[in-house]
């Protein structure tokens, strides 16, 4: 427990760590298969109301698709 985990790994302990800090966890999911593929953290000061849309590789679809942020 003591260190912040690397990107891509998510568990309940990570969520409790970020609740105590000024960072929030951003989850990106594929728009076609709806699988949650990417996790990263962002400062509360940098968050915006608009959803981020990026072209990312989906392992389930096995191609580049649009990924949107979830809450």
Protein backbone atom coordinates (compact mmCIF):
# COMPACT_ATOMS: atom_id res chain seq x y z
CA UNK A 1 0.00 0.00 0.00
CA UNK A 2 2.25 3.12 0.49
CA UNK A 3 3.05 3.87 -3.18
CA UNK A 4 0.76 5.15 -5.92
CA UNK A 5 0.12 2.37 -8.46
CA UNK A 6 1.14 2.69 -12.11
CA UNK A 7 -1.28 3.57 -14.88
CA UNK A 8 -3.55 0.84 -16.13
CA UNK A 9 -4.12 -0.93 -12.82
CA UNK A 10 -7.31 -0.23 -10.93
CA UNK A 11 -8.62 -1.53 -7.64
CA UNK A 12 -10.67 -0.30 -4.69
CA UNK A 13 -7.52 0.71 -2.80
CA UNK A 14 -6.62 3.12 -5.59
CA UNK A 15 -10.04 4.75 -5.37
CA UNK A 16 -9.68 5.32 -1.63
CA UNK A 17 -6.19 6.79 -2.11
CA UNK A 18 -7.45 9.30 -4.65
CA UNK A 19 -10.44 10.27 -2.51
CA UNK A 20 -7.99 11.59 0.09
CA UNK A 21 -5.85 13.50 -2.44
CA UNK A 22 -6.64 16.32 -4.88
CA UNK A 23 -6.57 13.95 -7.89
CA UNK A 24 -9.43 12.12 -9.55
CA UNK A 25 -9.46 8.91 -11.60
CA UNK A 26 -10.52 9.26 -15.23
CA UNK A 27 -11.79 6.11 -16.98
CA UNK A 28 -11.98 5.82 -20.77
CA UNK A 29 -14.21 3.28 -22.49
CA UNK A 30 -14.57 2.15 -26.07
CA UNK A 31 -17.62 3.57 -27.86
CA UNK A 32 -18.21 0.37 -29.85
CA UNK A 33 -17.82 -2.48 -27.33
CA UNK A 34 -18.18 -0.36 -24.13
CA UNK A 35 -15.19 -2.00 -22.44
CA UNK A 36 -13.21 0.09 -19.95
CA UNK A 37 -9.66 0.13 -21.31
CA UNK A 38 -7.75 3.14 -20.01
CA UNK A 39 -7.37 4.60 -16.51
CA UNK A 40 -5.42 7.72 -15.61
CA UNK A 41 -5.43 10.40 -12.95
CA UNK A 42 -5.95 14.10 -13.31
CA UNK A 43 -5.75 17.01 -10.93
CA UNK A 44 -9.09 18.38 -9.72
CA UNK A 45 -8.03 21.81 -10.99
CA UNK A 46 -7.59 20.48 -14.54
CA UNK A 47 -10.92 18.65 -14.86
CA UNK A 48 -13.53 20.08 -17.22
CA UNK A 49 -17.23 19.45 -17.79
CA UNK A 50 -16.76 18.30 -21.39
CA UNK A 51 -15.97 14.67 -22.15
CA UNK A 52 -12.61 13.85 -23.65
CA UNK A 53 -12.74 11.82 -26.89
CA UNK A 54 -9.55 10.19 -28.19
CA UNK A 55 -8.59 7.55 -30.75
CA UNK A 56 -7.15 4.67 -28.70
CA UNK A 57 -6.46 0.99 -29.35
CA UNK A 58 -9.15 -1.35 -28.01
CA UNK A 59 -7.88 -4.83 -27.13
CA UNK A 60 -11.34 -6.35 -27.38
CA UNK A 61 -12.12 -4.88 -30.84
CA UNK A 62 -8.46 -5.24 -31.91
CA UNK A 63 -8.43 -1.88 -33.71
CA UNK A 64 -8.27 1.86 -33.07
CA UNK A 65 -11.64 3.25 -32.01
CA UNK A 66 -12.98 6.33 -30.27
CA UNK A 67 -12.75 6.25 -26.48
CA UNK A 68 -14.77 8.59 -24.26
CA UNK A 69 -14.31 9.45 -20.62
CA UNK A 70 -16.68 8.06 -18.02
CA UNK A 71 -17.53 9.55 -14.66
